[in-house]
Amino acid sequence: MEHQVPKRPYRVTDSLRRGRKGIAASSYENIMQQYKLQKKIFSLMREKLYTVLLGHVHCHGFIPYKSRIMILRIANFYIQSGKVADRFQFSQMFLKLLVEDDGTEIDAEFFELLPSNTHLMVIKAGEEWNPEPQPSTSQSAEPCLNNESQRVNEMVGKIRKAEVGSKRTVSQNVTTYIGWLHYCYLNAKYVMVKNTKKQQNVGPRPVVLSRNIAEEQLMTLLRKTFFTRGRSVKGMASNMEFAFGNVKGIQIADISDLLSMNKPHIYLLSKEKIPDMAVYSSDSDELMDPQMTTSATGYTPQYTSPNAMIMHGASSSLGTPNFSLNSTAQPPPVQQSMCTLSTICNTPVLSRQGTSRWNESGTPEVCLNSRNKCCICYDMDINAFLVPCAHKFCFPCATRVKTTGQPCPICRTDITNVGSLVSSDM
């Protein structure tokens, strides 16, 4: 026999909060089916029954009260048994199940984590979740109660406060639902990371937290939960920017008010950092000074020949070539400018190499070669390409970009493989 999950009670309402219905269900499909039956079948069947009753009155006269009650009881029995559900095609209704407090959308996996007596909301296609309106503070609402009713209400209120206050002073912990939203640069918004067959333990889950927990402790807990050993399916934690937020991806500055709620929901917002790169440019036709280095960015410009210029990082595995230039005049230093990688990605990268020589006035004359050089090292010929963007580089530079897990320097696309433009025979 299959294991049957016990049913748990829930409180379900519609988008206008016109009333809450108690539904006991064991799964997401079960509660949606029961809500459709209760909401749609009852309304349609009652209209049909009243139509039949009015027609019977028109033909045969007045129907006794006991007969009408008996007909309604029989109709409710058939409605609850589900024998009339197929006639109205209720399975075609498009509904969404949300948490009433904050509007979090619930799927089959998230439903299993919900505790009993959770307030839920069902909305139709085209409707949106709206927060519960605050009660009006106008003084001209209802007339005051008499003295006896006020005395009874005050006594009941004191008893309830004593019971609730004693429980709250003992327990300072609260069950909090935590989740993870990662920023997608393609869609320019935060997207929730859910559990799949290939990746587990990355979806929302309930945890017990103290209401007085510090923000640093909570951030450490969230990072350890979703970034095990500093890494995750979205990348390394050292390459991310973190913040607190809600289910809609909006950052939360203060979490103390959020933890004071009965059922708080806190999400970890992660966003991949875009590193800055140093780009050397010149407004004139002057060559770069070979002795100039850039300590801020870690890049050292060097020359291997008059035909090529190379820029290597401080941690590059390639060897550092020497500089030799057959010229009597030393070129003046070049102007240095900084620009971010996002600015570089919007401009196509062109590499042109050629021989350089100096004339008597100190201005270099450049003769372009027909063969292209790698736009990263400016030294080796282009003999490889990146997959899937197909941008061409030399094989050592393309392999280094792939092994270090960096995206394409031109289009910022994730690299899956490196292809060779030269056959293995050569």
Foldseek 3Di string as FASTA:
>chain_A
DDDDAFWFWEWEDEQVPPDTDIDTDRFPVGVVVVVLLVPPVVVVLVVVLVVVQVVCCVVPNDDDPVVSVVVVVVSVVCSVVPVCVVVVPSVPFAKWKAQLAPGHTDDGVNVVQDDHHGYMYIYGPPDDHDHDDDDDPDPPDDDDDDPVVVVVVVVVVVVVCVVVVVVCVVDQKAKEKEAEWEADPVVRFTDTDDDDPVDPQHGIHIDIDGLPDDPVVVVVVVCCRQQPVQAHPVGGVVQKDKAKDAPRRDGDDDCNVQSVDRYHYIYIYIYGDFDWDWDFDAPAQFDAQQVDQDPVHQWHWHDQEQFWTFIDGNPDPDDDHHHDYPADDGTDHGDTDTDGLVVQQVDAQAFWTFGWYADPVGGIDGDTDPFGAFSHTRPHGWWKAFPPVGDIHRPVVNVVCLVVQFADSHNRHGTDDMGTNDDPVD
